[in-house]
Amino acid sequence: MAKRENRTFHCNRCGRYHTEYEMDNFEGNFFHDFSAYFGYGSPYDDCFFEFTLCELCMFEIAKDFKHTPMILDKDPFAPPDEQVVPFDYNEFQRRRTEPTPYYKNLFIENYNDIENLPKK
């Protein structure tokens, strides 16, 4: 069996980092990569601006957006009215602090793990 390469994730905003060893946990899933392309007329014409944010920073930034971003659910079995929903920061806070009937404390534990990652 091929050995999986270790991956390190860094949040460019807060400095949280996580090294994933052999898929030992899911913290790497809470880091998201972004890329913006600079077009004609920009001093960075034809360049890319790339960075990574942890999910806590991503949602903290999104709460201040003038126009609410949408969350797209790729689940084909999700009801149509739940496949595209506006991001709701209060709902995010509720999900990370209150148990749910199906997932119990999973989200609370996951976000606590992210909050407790070291920073550099």
PDB file of N, CA and C in Angstrom:
ATOM      1  N   MET A   1       0.847  -1.182   0.000  1.00  0.00           N
ATOM      2  CA  MET A   1       0.000   0.000   0.000  1.00  0.00           C
ATOM      3  C   MET A   1       0.890   1.243   0.000  1.00  0.00           C
ATOM      4  N   ALA A   2       0.573   2.191  -0.857  1.00  0.00           N
ATOM      5  CA  ALA A   2       1.349   3.426  -0.942  1.00  0.00           C
ATOM      6  C   ALA A   2       1.108   4.269   0.297  1.00  0.00           C
ATOM      7  N   LYS A   3       2.201   4.807   0.820  1.00  0.00           N
ATOM      8  CA  LYS A   3       2.091   5.658   2.004  1.00  0.00           C
ATOM      9  C   LYS A   3       1.627   7.045   1.581  1.00  0.00           C
ATOM     10  N   ARG A   4       0.658   7.572   2.298  1.00  0.00           N
ATOM     11  CA  ARG A   4       0.106   8.889   2.001  1.00  0.00           C
ATOM     12  C   ARG A   4       1.050   9.970   2.500  1.00  0.00           C
ATOM     13  N   GLU A   5       1.258  10.982   1.682  1.00  0.00           N
ATOM     14  CA  GLU A   5       2.131  12.090   2.051  1.00  0.00           C
ATOM     15  C   GLU A   5       1.466  12.958   3.124  1.00  0.00           C
ATOM     16  N   ASN A   6       2.222  13.345   4.130  1.00  0.00           N
ATOM     17  CA  ASN A   6       1.695  14.246   5.152  1.00  0.00           C
ATOM     18  C   ASN A   6       1.441  15.612   4.531  1.00  0.00           C
ATOM     19  N   ARG A   7       0.372  16.267   4.969  1.00  0.00           N
ATOM     20  CA  ARG A   7       0.030  17.593   4.463  1.00  0.00           C
ATOM     21  C   ARG A   7      -0.056  18.559   5.628  1.00  0.00           C
ATOM     22  N   THR A   8       0.403  19.770   5.416  1.00  0.00           N
ATOM     23  CA  THR A   8       0.292  20.808   6.436  1.00  0.00           C
ATOM     24  C   THR A   8      -0.619  21.898   5.901  1.00  0.00           C
ATOM     25  N   PHE A   9      -1.526  22.346   6.755  1.00  0.00           N
ATOM     26  CA  PHE A   9      -2.488  23.390   6.415  1.00  0.00           C
ATOM     27  C   PHE A   9      -2.183  24.613   7.281  1.00  0.00           C
ATOM     28  N   HIS A  10      -2.227  25.803   6.675  1.00  0.00           N
ATOM     29  CA  HIS A  10      -2.015  27.058   7.407  1.00  0.00           C
ATOM     30  C   HIS A  10      -3.131  28.030   7.066  1.00  0.00           C
ATOM     31  N   CYS A  11      -3.651  28.720   8.067  1.00  0.00           N
ATOM     32  CA  CYS A  11      -4.594  29.811   7.811  1.00  0.00           C
ATOM     33  C   CYS A  11      -3.780  31.092   7.684  1.00  0.00           C
ATOM     34  N   ASN A  12      -3.899  31.747   6.530  1.00  0.00           N
ATOM     35  CA  ASN A  12      -3.155  32.980   6.306  1.00  0.00           C
ATOM     36  C   ASN A  12      -3.638  34.130   7.180  1.00  0.00           C
ATOM     37  N   ARG A  13      -4.844  34.042   7.701  1.00  0.00           N
ATOM     38  CA  ARG A  13      -5.396  35.142   8.502  1.00  0.00           C
ATOM     39  C   ARG A  13      -5.000  35.034   9.970  1.00  0.00           C
ATOM     40  N   CYS A  14      -5.262  33.899  10.614  1.00  0.00           N
ATOM     41  CA  CYS A  14      -5.051  33.785  12.062  1.00  0.00           C
ATOM     42  C   CYS A  14      -3.773  33.042  12.427  1.00  0.00           C
ATOM     43  N   GLY A  15      -3.186  32.306  11.494  1.00  0.00           N
ATOM     44  CA  GLY A  15      -1.958  31.581  11.762  1.00  0.00           C
ATOM     45  C   GLY A  15      -2.145  30.158  12.258  1.00  0.00           C
ATOM     46  N   ARG A  16      -3.397  29.700  12.421  1.00  0.00           N
ATOM     47  CA  ARG A  16      -3.602  28.313  12.843  1.00  0.00           C
ATOM     48  C   ARG A  16      -2.966  27.387  11.812  1.00  0.00           C
ATOM     49  N   TYR A  17      -2.412  26.299  12.316  1.00  0.00           N
ATOM     50  CA  TYR A  17      -1.846  25.323  11.386  1.00  0.00           C
ATOM     51  C   TYR A  17      -2.102  23.911  11.900  1.00  0.00           C
ATOM     52  N   HIS A  18      -2.079  22.998  10.962  1.00  0.00           N
ATOM     53  CA  HIS A  18      -2.344  21.597  11.273  1.00  0.00           C
ATOM     54  C   HIS A  18      -1.570  20.736  10.289  1.00  0.00           C
ATOM     55  N   THR A  19      -0.861  19.740  10.804  1.00  0.00           N
ATOM     56  CA  THR A  19      -0.218  18.748   9.952  1.00  0.00           C
ATOM     57  C   THR A  19      -1.013  17.459  10.066  1.00  0.00           C
ATOM     58  N   GLU A  20      -1.405  16.955   8.937  1.00  0.00           N
ATOM     59  CA  GLU A  20      -2.224  15.750   8.880  1.00  0.00           C
ATOM     60  C   GLU A  20      -1.310  14.560   8.625  1.00  0.00           C
ATOM     61  N   TYR A  21      -1.343  13.612   9.535  1.00  0.00           N
ATOM     62  CA  TYR A  21      -0.539  12.407   9.415  1.00  0.00           C
ATOM     63  C   TYR A  21      -1.436  11.228   9.080  1.00  0.00           C
ATOM     64  N   GLU A  22      -1.269  10.705   7.880  1.00  0.00           N
ATOM     65  CA  GLU A  22      -1.996   9.495   7.503  1.00  0.00           C
ATOM     66  C   GLU A  22      -3.497   9.582   7.771  1.00  0.00           C
ATOM     67  N   MET A  23      -4.089  10.735   7.528  1.00  0.00           N
ATOM     68  CA  MET A  23      -5.543  10.904   7.673  1.00  0.00           C
ATOM     69  C   MET A  23      -5.999  10.516   9.079  1.00  0.00           C
ATOM     70  N   ASP A  24      -5.284  11.008  10.097  1.00  0.00           N
ATOM     71  CA  ASP A  24      -5.605  10.643  11.473  1.00  0.00           C
ATOM     72  C   ASP A  24      -6.805  11.394  12.039  1.00  0.00           C
ATOM     73  N   ASN A  25      -7.229  12.444  11.373  1.00  0.00           N
ATOM     74  CA  ASN A  25      -8.392  13.207  11.822  1.00  0.00           C
ATOM     75  C   ASN A  25      -8.903  14.036  10.646  1.00  0.00           C
ATOM     76  N   PHE A  26      -9.832  14.933  10.915  1.00  0.00           N
ATOM     77  CA  PHE A  26     -10.450  15.687   9.822  1.00  0.00           C
ATOM     78  C   PHE A  26     -10.133  17.174   9.864  1.00  0.00           C
ATOM     79  N   GLU A  27      -9.182  17.616  10.679  1.00  0.00           N
ATOM     80  CA  GLU A  27      -8.909  19.045  10.776  1.00  0.00           C
ATOM     81  C   GLU A  27      -8.560  19.674   9.424  1.00  0.00           C
ATOM     82  N   GLY A  28      -7.891  18.909   8.561  1.00  0.00           N
ATOM     83  CA  GLY A  28      -7.540  19.433   7.241  1.00  0.00           C
ATOM     84  C   GLY A  28      -8.754  19.842   6.427  1.00  0.00           C
ATOM     85  N   ASN A  29      -9.912  19.233   6.705  1.00  0.00           N
ATOM     86  CA  ASN A  29     -11.144  19.585   5.987  1.00  0.00           C
ATOM     87  C   ASN A  29     -11.650  20.973   6.358  1.00  0.00           C
ATOM     88  N   PHE A  30     -11.117  21.551   7.414  1.00  0.00           N
ATOM     89  CA  PHE A  30     -11.574  22.856   7.884  1.00  0.00           C
ATOM     90  C   PHE A  30     -10.673  23.993   7.402  1.00  0.00           C
ATOM     91  N   PHE A  31      -9.813  23.715   6.440  1.00  0.00           N
ATOM     92  CA  PHE A  31      -8.969  24.724   5.806  1.00  0.00           C
ATOM     93  C   PHE A  31      -9.366  24.797   4.338  1.00  0.00           C
ATOM     94  N   HIS A  32      -9.605  26.006   3.853  1.00  0.00           N
ATOM     95  CA  HIS A  32     -10.135  26.183   2.497  1.00  0.00           C
ATOM     96  C   HIS A  32      -9.222  27.092   1.687  1.00  0.00           C
ATOM     97  N   ASP A  33      -8.917  26.648   0.458  1.00  0.00           N
ATOM     98  CA  ASP A  33      -8.037  27.391  -0.440  1.00  0.00           C
ATOM     99  C   ASP A  33      -8.846  28.335  -1.322  1.00  0.00           C
ATOM    100  N   PHE A  34      -8.288  29.530  -1.528  1.00  0.00           N
ATOM    101  CA  PHE A  34      -8.927  30.535  -2.370  1.00  0.00           C
ATOM    102  C   PHE A  34      -7.918  31.019  -3.397  1.00  0.00           C
ATOM    103  N   SER A  35      -8.423  31.353  -4.574  1.00  0.00           N
ATOM    104  CA  SER A  35      -7.573  31.847  -5.645  1.00  0.00           C
ATOM    105  C   SER A  35      -8.339  32.933  -6.402  1.00  0.00           C
ATOM    106  N   ALA A  36      -7.698  34.067  -6.585  1.00  0.00           N
ATOM    107  CA  ALA A  36      -8.298  35.162  -7.358  1.00  0.00           C
ATOM    108  C   ALA A  36      -7.374  35.492  -8.522  1.00  0.00           C
ATOM    109  N   TYR A  37      -7.944  35.634  -9.691  1.00  0.00           N
ATOM    110  CA  TYR A  37      -7.183  35.944 -10.895  1.00  0.00           C
ATOM    111  C   TYR A  37      -7.243  37.444 -11.156  1.00  0.00           C
ATOM    112  N   PHE A  38      -6.078  38.031 -11.393  1.00  0.00           N
ATOM    113  CA  PHE A  38      -6.004  39.454 -11.741  1.00  0.00           C
ATOM    114  C   PHE A  38      -6.036  39.596 -13.258  1.00  0.00           C
ATOM    115  N   GLY A  39      -6.990  40.368 -13.751  1.00  0.00           N
ATOM    116  CA  GLY A  39      -7.145  40.542 -15.181  1.00  0.00           C
ATOM    117  C   GLY A  39      -6.469  41.792 -15.703  1.00  0.00           C
ATOM    118  N   TYR A  40      -6.737  42.066 -16.953  1.00  0.00           N
ATOM    119  CA  TYR A  40      -6.135  43.196 -17.663  1.00  0.00           C
ATOM    120  C   TYR A  40      -6.425  44.510 -16.939  1.00  0.00           C
ATOM    121  N   GLY A  41      -5.420  45.335 -16.827  1.00  0.00           N
ATOM    122  CA  GLY A  41      -5.566  46.644 -16.191  1.00  0.00           C
ATOM    123  C   GLY A  41      -5.062  46.654 -14.757  1.00  0.00           C
ATOM    124  N   SER A  42      -4.916  45.505 -14.159  1.00  0.00           N
ATOM    125  CA  SER A  42      -4.389  45.410 -12.801  1.00  0.00           C
ATOM    126  C   SER A  42      -2.856  45.419 -12.857  1.00  0.00           C
ATOM    127  N   PRO A  43      -2.200  45.992 -11.852  1.00  0.00           N
ATOM    128  CA  PRO A  43      -0.741  45.899 -11.832  1.00  0.00           C
ATOM    129  C   PRO A  43      -0.259  44.452 -11.685  1.00  0.00           C
ATOM    130  N   TYR A  44      -1.171  43.546 -11.319  1.00  0.00           N
ATOM    131  CA  TYR A  44      -0.852  42.123 -11.201  1.00  0.00           C
ATOM    132  C   TYR A  44      -1.473  41.324 -12.346  1.00  0.00           C
ATOM    133  N   ASP A  45      -1.658  41.992 -13.477  1.00  0.00           N
ATOM    134  CA  ASP A  45      -2.267  41.393 -14.662  1.00  0.00           C
ATOM    135  C   ASP A  45      -1.718  39.989 -14.916  1.00  0.00           C
ATOM    136  N   ASP A  46      -2.641  39.029 -15.076  1.00  0.00           N
ATOM    137  CA  ASP A  46      -2.342  37.644 -15.398  1.00  0.00           C
ATOM    138  C   ASP A  46      -1.685  36.877 -14.248  1.00  0.00           C
ATOM    139  N   CYS A  47      -1.825  37.392 -13.022  1.00  0.00           N
ATOM    140  CA  CYS A  47      -1.298  36.703 -11.838  1.00  0.00           C
ATOM    141  C   CYS A  47      -2.464  36.163 -11.004  1.00  0.00           C
ATOM    142  N   PHE A  48      -2.135  35.298 -10.070  1.00  0.00           N
ATOM    143  CA  PHE A  48      -3.115  34.755  -9.140  1.00  0.00           C
ATOM    144  C   PHE A  48      -2.753  35.166  -7.726  1.00  0.00           C
ATOM    145  N   PHE A  49      -3.766  35.434  -6.934  1.00  0.00           N
ATOM    146  CA  PHE A  49      -3.627  35.740  -5.514  1.00  0.00           C
ATOM    147  C   PHE A  49      -4.205  34.533  -4.785  1.00  0.00           C
ATOM    148  N   GLU A  50      -3.354  33.778  -4.093  1.00  0.00           N
ATOM    149  CA  GLU A  50      -3.807  32.541  -3.470  1.00  0.00           C
ATOM    150  C   GLU A  50      -3.563  32.581  -1.971  1.00  0.00           C
ATOM    151  N   PHE A  51      -4.531  32.044  -1.209  1.00  0.00           N
ATOM    152  CA  PHE A  51      -4.408  31.995   0.236  1.00  0.00           C
ATOM    153  C   PHE A  51      -5.323  30.916   0.779  1.00  0.00           C
ATOM    154  N   THR A  52      -5.115  30.578   2.054  1.00  0.00           N
ATOM    155  CA  THR A  52      -5.916  29.574   2.738  1.00  0.00           C
ATOM    156  C   THR A  52      -6.491  30.191   3.997  1.00  0.00           C
ATOM    157  N   LEU A  53      -7.747  29.875   4.280  1.00  0.00           N
ATOM    158  CA  LEU A  53      -8.398  30.316   5.518  1.00  0.00           C
ATOM    159  C   LEU A  53      -8.943  29.109   6.252  1.00  0.00           C
ATOM    160  N   CYS A  54      -8.829  29.137   7.584  1.00  0.00           N
ATOM    161  CA  CYS A  54      -9.528  28.118   8.354  1.00  0.00           C
ATOM    162  C   CYS A  54     -11.013  28.493   8.318  1.00  0.00           C
ATOM    163  N   GLU A  55     -11.861  27.533   8.594  1.00  0.00           N
ATOM    164  CA  GLU A  55     -13.297  27.768   8.512  1.00  0.00           C
ATOM    165  C   GLU A  55     -13.766  28.842   9.498  1.00  0.00           C
ATOM    166  N   LEU A  56     -13.126  28.922  10.658  1.00  0.00           N
ATOM    167  CA  LEU A  56     -13.515  29.955  11.630  1.00  0.00           C
ATOM    168  C   LEU A  56     -13.264  31.348  11.067  1.00  0.00           C
ATOM    169  N   CYS A  57     -12.110  31.560  10.445  1.00  0.00           N
ATOM    170  CA  CYS A  57     -11.807  32.868   9.847  1.00  0.00           C
ATOM    171  C   CYS A  57     -12.685  33.144   8.630  1.00  0.00           C
ATOM    172  N   MET A  58     -12.917  32.112   7.818  1.00  0.00           N
ATOM    173  CA  MET A  58     -13.740  32.285   6.621  1.00  0.00           C
ATOM    174  C   MET A  58     -15.131  32.797   6.990  1.00  0.00           C
ATOM    175  N   PHE A  59     -15.753  32.182   7.998  1.00  0.00           N
ATOM    176  CA  PHE A  59     -17.093  32.612   8.390  1.00  0.00           C
ATOM    177  C   PHE A  59     -17.068  33.942   9.133  1.00  0.00           C
ATOM    178  N   GLU A  60     -15.995  34.211   9.854  1.00  0.00           N
ATOM    179  CA  GLU A  60     -15.869  35.502  10.535  1.00  0.00           C
ATOM    180  C   GLU A  60     -15.809  36.637   9.502  1.00  0.00           C
ATOM    181  N   ILE A  61     -15.098  36.417   8.417  1.00  0.00           N
ATOM    182  CA  ILE A  61     -15.024  37.406   7.337  1.00  0.00           C
ATOM    183  C   ILE A  61     -16.372  37.511   6.624  1.00  0.00           C
ATOM    184  N   ALA A  62     -16.994  36.361   6.338  1.00  0.00           N
ATOM    185  CA  ALA A  62     -18.249  36.341   5.578  1.00  0.00           C
ATOM    186  C   ALA A  62     -19.378  37.053   6.311  1.00  0.00           C
ATOM    187  N   LYS A  63     -19.347  37.071   7.635  1.00  0.00           N
ATOM    188  CA  LYS A  63     -20.443  37.731   8.374  1.00  0.00           C
ATOM    189  C   LYS A  63     -20.496  39.227   8.101  1.00  0.00           C
ATOM    190  N   ASP A  64     -19.376  39.815   7.654  1.00  0.00           N
ATOM    191  CA  ASP A  64     -19.325  41.251   7.383  1.00  0.00           C
ATOM    192  C   ASP A  64     -19.615  41.601   5.923  1.00  0.00           C
ATOM    193  N   PHE A  65     -19.885  40.614   5.085  1.00  0.00           N
ATOM    194  CA  PHE A  65     -20.172  40.881   3.676  1.00  0.00           C
ATOM    195  C   PHE A  65     -21.455  41.700   3.541  1.00  0.00           C
ATOM    196  N   LYS A  66     -21.444  42.649   2.668  1.00  0.00           N
ATOM    197  CA  LYS A  66     -22.626  43.448   2.374  1.00  0.00           C
ATOM    198  C   LYS A  66     -23.697  42.590   1.704  1.00  0.00           C
ATOM    199  N   HIS A  67     -23.280  41.716   0.793  1.00  0.00           N
ATOM    200  CA  HIS A  67     -24.188  40.814   0.087  1.00  0.00           C
ATOM    201  C   HIS A  67     -23.906  39.396   0.579  1.00  0.00           C
ATOM    202  N   THR A  68     -24.914  38.747   1.108  1.00  0.00           N
ATOM    203  CA  THR A  68     -24.780  37.445   1.750  1.00  0.00           C
ATOM    204  C   THR A  68     -24.351  36.373   0.751  1.00  0.00           C
ATOM    205  N   PRO A  69     -23.259  35.644   1.061  1.00  0.00           N
ATOM    206  CA  PRO A  69     -22.877  34.525   0.192  1.00  0.00           C
ATOM    207  C   PRO A  69     -23.870  33.370   0.338  1.00  0.00           C
ATOM    208  N   MET A  70     -23.903  32.534  -0.667  1.00  0.00           N
ATOM    209  CA  MET A  70     -24.812  31.394  -0.672  1.00  0.00           C
ATOM    210  C   MET A  70     -24.031  30.117  -0.376  1.00  0.00           C
ATOM    211  N   ILE A  71     -24.696  29.160   0.272  1.00  0.00           N
ATOM    212  CA  ILE A  71     -24.138  27.840   0.510  1.00  0.00           C
ATOM    213  C   ILE A  71     -24.876  26.877  -0.412  1.00  0.00           C
ATOM    214  N   LEU A  72     -24.125  26.185  -1.259  1.00  0.00           N
ATOM    215  CA  LEU A  72     -24.703  25.253  -2.226  1.00  0.00           C
ATOM    216  C   LEU A  72     -24.540  23.838  -1.693  1.00  0.00           C
ATOM    217  N   ASP A  73     -25.634  23.131  -1.551  1.00  0.00           N
ATOM    218  CA  ASP A  73     -25.615  21.751  -1.069  1.00  0.00           C
ATOM    219  C   ASP A  73     -25.605  20.830  -2.281  1.00  0.00           C
ATOM    220  N   LYS A  74     -24.559  20.034  -2.425  1.00  0.00           N
ATOM    221  CA  LYS A  74     -24.420  19.137  -3.580  1.00  0.00           C
ATOM    222  C   LYS A  74     -25.155  17.812  -3.389  1.00  0.00           C
ATOM    223  N   ASP A  75     -25.828  17.646  -2.267  1.00  0.00           N
ATOM    224  CA  ASP A  75     -26.547  16.398  -1.989  1.00  0.00           C
ATOM    225  C   ASP A  75     -27.759  16.296  -2.919  1.00  0.00           C
ATOM    226  N   PRO A  76     -27.783  15.308  -3.822  1.00  0.00           N
ATOM    227  CA  PRO A  76     -28.903  15.194  -4.757  1.00  0.00           C
ATOM    228  C   PRO A  76     -30.225  14.857  -4.068  1.00  0.00           C
ATOM    229  N   PHE A  77     -30.157  14.382  -2.826  1.00  0.00           N
ATOM    230  CA  PHE A  77     -31.370  14.026  -2.109  1.00  0.00           C
ATOM    231  C   PHE A  77     -31.889  15.152  -1.221  1.00  0.00           C
ATOM    232  N   ALA A  78     -31.146  16.263  -1.167  1.00  0.00           N
ATOM    233  CA  ALA A  78     -31.606  17.404  -0.368  1.00  0.00           C
ATOM    234  C   ALA A  78     -32.832  18.014  -1.042  1.00  0.00           C
ATOM    235  N   PRO A  79     -33.799  18.447  -0.249  1.00  0.00           N
ATOM    236  CA  PRO A  79     -34.970  19.116  -0.845  1.00  0.00           C
ATOM    237  C   PRO A  79     -34.529  20.348  -1.628  1.00  0.00           C
ATOM    238  N   PRO A  80     -35.211  20.651  -2.750  1.00  0.00           N
ATOM    239  CA  PRO A  80     -34.794  21.783  -3.589  1.00  0.00           C
ATOM    240  C   PRO A  80     -34.645  23.099  -2.826  1.00  0.00           C
ATOM    241  N   ASP A  81     -35.503  23.349  -1.830  1.00  0.00           N
ATOM    242  CA  ASP A  81     -35.416  24.618  -1.099  1.00  0.00           C
ATOM    243  C   ASP A  81     -34.240  24.648  -0.118  1.00  0.00           C
ATOM    244  N   GLU A  82     -33.529  23.529   0.018  1.00  0.00           N
ATOM    245  CA  GLU A  82     -32.353  23.481   0.893  1.00  0.00           C
ATOM    246  C   GLU A  82     -31.054  23.325   0.113  1.00  0.00           C
ATOM    247  N   GLN A  83     -31.123  23.281  -1.219  1.00  0.00           N
ATOM    248  CA  GLN A  83     -29.918  23.087  -2.013  1.00  0.00           C
ATOM    249  C   GLN A  83     -29.108  24.370  -2.157  1.00  0.00           C
ATOM    250  N   VAL A  84     -29.747  25.507  -2.074  1.00  0.00           N
ATOM    251  CA  VAL A  84     -29.065  26.801  -2.108  1.00  0.00           C
ATOM    252  C   VAL A  84     -29.664  27.650  -0.995  1.00  0.00           C
ATOM    253  N   VAL A  85     -28.841  27.929   0.026  1.00  0.00           N
ATOM    254  CA  VAL A  85     -29.327  28.715   1.156  1.00  0.00           C
ATOM    255  C   VAL A  85     -28.348  29.837   1.453  1.00  0.00           C
ATOM    256  N   PRO A  86     -28.841  30.983   1.901  1.00  0.00           N
ATOM    257  CA  PRO A  86     -27.932  32.061   2.262  1.00  0.00           C
ATOM    258  C   PRO A  86     -27.141  31.703   3.522  1.00  0.00           C
ATOM    259  N   PHE A  87     -25.890  32.120   3.540  1.00  0.00           N
ATOM    260  CA  PHE A  87     -25.068  31.917   4.729  1.00  0.00           C
ATOM    261  C   PHE A  87     -25.648  32.734   5.873  1.00  0.00           C
ATOM    262  N   ASP A  88     -25.775  32.114   7.030  1.00  0.00           N
ATOM    263  CA  ASP A  88     -26.324  32.772   8.217  1.00  0.00           C
ATOM    264  C   ASP A  88     -25.324  32.589   9.356  1.00  0.00           C
ATOM    265  N   TYR A  89     -24.644  33.665   9.747  1.00  0.00           N
ATOM    266  CA  TYR A  89     -23.616  33.578  10.783  1.00  0.00           C
ATOM    267  C   TYR A  89     -24.196  33.080  12.103  1.00  0.00           C
ATOM    268  N   ASN A  90     -25.400  33.513  12.431  1.00  0.00           N
ATOM    269  CA  ASN A  90     -26.018  33.056  13.679  1.00  0.00           C
ATOM    270  C   ASN A  90     -26.277  31.548  13.653  1.00  0.00           C
ATOM    271  N   GLU A  91     -26.665  31.035  12.498  1.00  0.00           N
ATOM    272  CA  GLU A  91     -26.861  29.587  12.348  1.00  0.00           C
ATOM    273  C   GLU A  91     -25.529  28.856  12.510  1.00  0.00           C
ATOM    274  N   PHE A  92     -24.464  29.423  11.934  1.00  0.00           N
ATOM    275  CA  PHE A  92     -23.130  28.838  12.097  1.00  0.00           C
ATOM    276  C   PHE A  92     -22.754  28.797  13.580  1.00  0.00           C
ATOM    277  N   GLN A  93     -22.978  29.890  14.298  1.00  0.00           N
ATOM    278  CA  GLN A  93     -22.650  29.935  15.722  1.00  0.00           C
ATOM    279  C   GLN A  93     -23.477  28.903  16.503  1.00  0.00           C
ATOM    280  N   ARG A  94     -24.741  28.770  16.138  1.00  0.00           N
ATOM    281  CA  ARG A  94     -25.591  27.790  16.805  1.00  0.00           C
ATOM    282  C   ARG A  94     -25.078  26.378  16.559  1.00  0.00           C
ATOM    283  N   ARG A  95     -24.723  26.067  15.321  1.00  0.00           N
ATOM    284  CA  ARG A  95     -24.257  24.716  14.985  1.00  0.00           C
ATOM    285  C   ARG A  95     -22.944  24.377  15.678  1.00  0.00           C
ATOM    286  N   ARG A  96     -22.119  25.384  15.943  1.00  0.00           N
ATOM    287  CA  ARG A  96     -20.836  25.076  16.577  1.00  0.00           C
ATOM    288  C   ARG A  96     -20.889  25.116  18.093  1.00  0.00           C
ATOM    289  N   THR A  97     -22.067  25.456  18.659  1.00  0.00           N
ATOM    290  CA  THR A  97     -22.164  25.543  20.114  1.00  0.00           C
ATOM    291  C   THR A  97     -23.296  24.710  20.715  1.00  0.00           C
ATOM    292  N   GLU A  98     -24.217  24.206  19.882  1.00  0.00           N
ATOM    293  CA  GLU A  98     -25.348  23.435  20.406  1.00  0.00           C
ATOM    294  C   GLU A  98     -25.383  22.040  19.785  1.00  0.00           C
ATOM    295  N   PRO A  99     -25.641  21.017  20.581  1.00  0.00           N
ATOM    296  CA  PRO A  99     -25.763  19.654  20.026  1.00  0.00           C
ATOM    297  C   PRO A  99     -26.949  19.568  19.055  1.00  0.00           C
ATOM    298  N   THR A 100     -26.843  18.660  18.109  1.00  0.00           N
ATOM    299  CA  THR A 100     -27.944  18.415  17.174  1.00  0.00           C
ATOM    300  C   THR A 100     -28.463  16.998  17.400  1.00  0.00           C
ATOM    301  N   PRO A 101     -29.707  16.731  17.019  1.00  0.00           N
ATOM    302  CA  PRO A 101     -30.257  15.388  17.259  1.00  0.00           C
ATOM    303  C   PRO A 101     -29.458  14.276  16.572  1.00  0.00           C
ATOM    304  N   TYR A 102     -29.037  14.500  15.343  1.00  0.00           N
ATOM    305  CA  TYR A 102     -28.344  13.444  14.604  1.00  0.00           C
ATOM    306  C   TYR A 102     -26.844  13.428  14.886  1.00  0.00           C
ATOM    307  N   TYR A 103     -26.195  14.603  14.821  1.00  0.00           N
ATOM    308  CA  TYR A 103     -24.741  14.671  14.967  1.00  0.00           C
ATOM    309  C   TYR A 103     -24.284  14.827  16.414  1.00  0.00           C
ATOM    310  N   LYS A 104     -25.225  15.042  17.314  1.00  0.00           N
ATOM    311  CA  LYS A 104     -24.933  15.214  18.747  1.00  0.00           C
ATOM    312  C   LYS A 104     -23.909  16.342  18.937  1.00  0.00           C
ATOM    313  N   ASN A 105     -22.736  16.055  19.525  1.00  0.00           N
ATOM    314  CA  ASN A 105     -21.709  17.071  19.808  1.00  0.00           C
ATOM    315  C   ASN A 105     -20.596  17.126  18.761  1.00  0.00           C
ATOM    316  N   LEU A 106     -20.767  16.442  17.649  1.00  0.00           N
ATOM    317  CA  LEU A 106     -19.703  16.354  16.651  1.00  0.00           C
ATOM    318  C   LEU A 106     -19.209  17.725  16.202  1.00  0.00           C
ATOM    319  N   PHE A 107     -20.120  18.626  15.827  1.00  0.00           N
ATOM    320  CA  PHE A 107     -19.709  19.945  15.337  1.00  0.00           C
ATOM    321  C   PHE A 107     -19.028  20.742  16.441  1.00  0.00           C
ATOM    322  N   ILE A 108     -19.544  20.661  17.642  1.00  0.00           N
ATOM    323  CA  ILE A 108     -18.942  21.368  18.776  1.00  0.00           C
ATOM    324  C   ILE A 108     -17.505  20.888  18.971  1.00  0.00           C
ATOM    325  N   GLU A 109     -17.310  19.584  18.963  1.00  0.00           N
ATOM    326  CA  GLU A 109     -15.973  19.021  19.151  1.00  0.00           C
ATOM    327  C   GLU A 109     -15.041  19.387  18.002  1.00  0.00           C
ATOM    328  N   ASN A 110     -15.546  19.332  16.765  1.00  0.00           N
ATOM    329  CA  ASN A 110     -14.715  19.681  15.609  1.00  0.00           C
ATOM    330  C   ASN A 110     -14.239  21.132  15.689  1.00  0.00           C
ATOM    331  N   TYR A 111     -15.147  22.051  15.971  1.00  0.00           N
ATOM    332  CA  TYR A 111     -14.751  23.459  16.020  1.00  0.00           C
ATOM    333  C   TYR A 111     -13.883  23.761  17.239  1.00  0.00           C
ATOM    334  N   ASN A 112     -14.090  23.051  18.335  1.00  0.00           N
ATOM    335  CA  ASN A 112     -13.188  23.203  19.476  1.00  0.00           C
ATOM    336  C   ASN A 112     -11.777  22.746  19.099  1.00  0.00           C
ATOM    337  N   ASP A 113     -11.695  21.653  18.346  1.00  0.00           N
ATOM    338  CA  ASP A 113     -10.391  21.181  17.891  1.00  0.00           C
ATOM    339  C   ASP A 113      -9.702  22.231  17.018  1.00  0.00           C
ATOM    340  N   ILE A 114     -10.464  22.878  16.143  1.00  0.00           N
ATOM    341  CA  ILE A 114      -9.890  23.914  15.273  1.00  0.00           C
ATOM    342  C   ILE A 114      -9.456  25.113  16.107  1.00  0.00           C
ATOM    343  N   GLU A 115     -10.300  25.546  17.034  1.00  0.00           N
ATOM    344  CA  GLU A 115      -9.941  26.683  17.884  1.00  0.00           C
ATOM    345  C   GLU A 115      -8.670  26.427  18.679  1.00  0.00           C
ATOM    346  N   ASN A 116      -8.417  25.175  19.032  1.00  0.00           N
ATOM    347  CA  ASN A 116      -7.267  24.833  19.857  1.00  0.00           C
ATOM    348  C   ASN A 116      -6.008  24.480  19.081  1.00  0.00           C
ATOM    349  N   LEU A 117      -6.054  24.605  17.767  1.00  0.00           N
ATOM    350  CA  LEU A 117      -4.843  24.342  16.987  1.00  0.00           C
ATOM    351  C   LEU A 117      -3.785  25.399  17.311  1.00  0.00           C
ATOM    352  N   PRO A 118      -2.519  25.021  17.231  1.00  0.00           N
ATOM    353  CA  PRO A 118      -1.470  26.023  17.479  1.00  0.00           C
ATOM    354  C   PRO A 118      -1.444  27.068  16.371  1.00  0.00           C
ATOM    355  N   LYS A 119      -0.856  28.221  16.698  1.00  0.00           N
ATOM    356  CA  LYS A 119      -0.721  29.320  15.723  1.00  0.00           C
ATOM    357  C   LYS A 119       0.742  29.696  15.580  1.00  0.00           C
ATOM    358  N   LYS A 120       1.087  30.093  14.386  1.00  0.00           N
ATOM    359  CA  LYS A 120       2.422  30.656  14.173  1.00  0.00           C
ATOM    360  C   LYS A 120       2.398  31.665  13.060  1.00  0.00           C
TER     361      LYS A 120
END
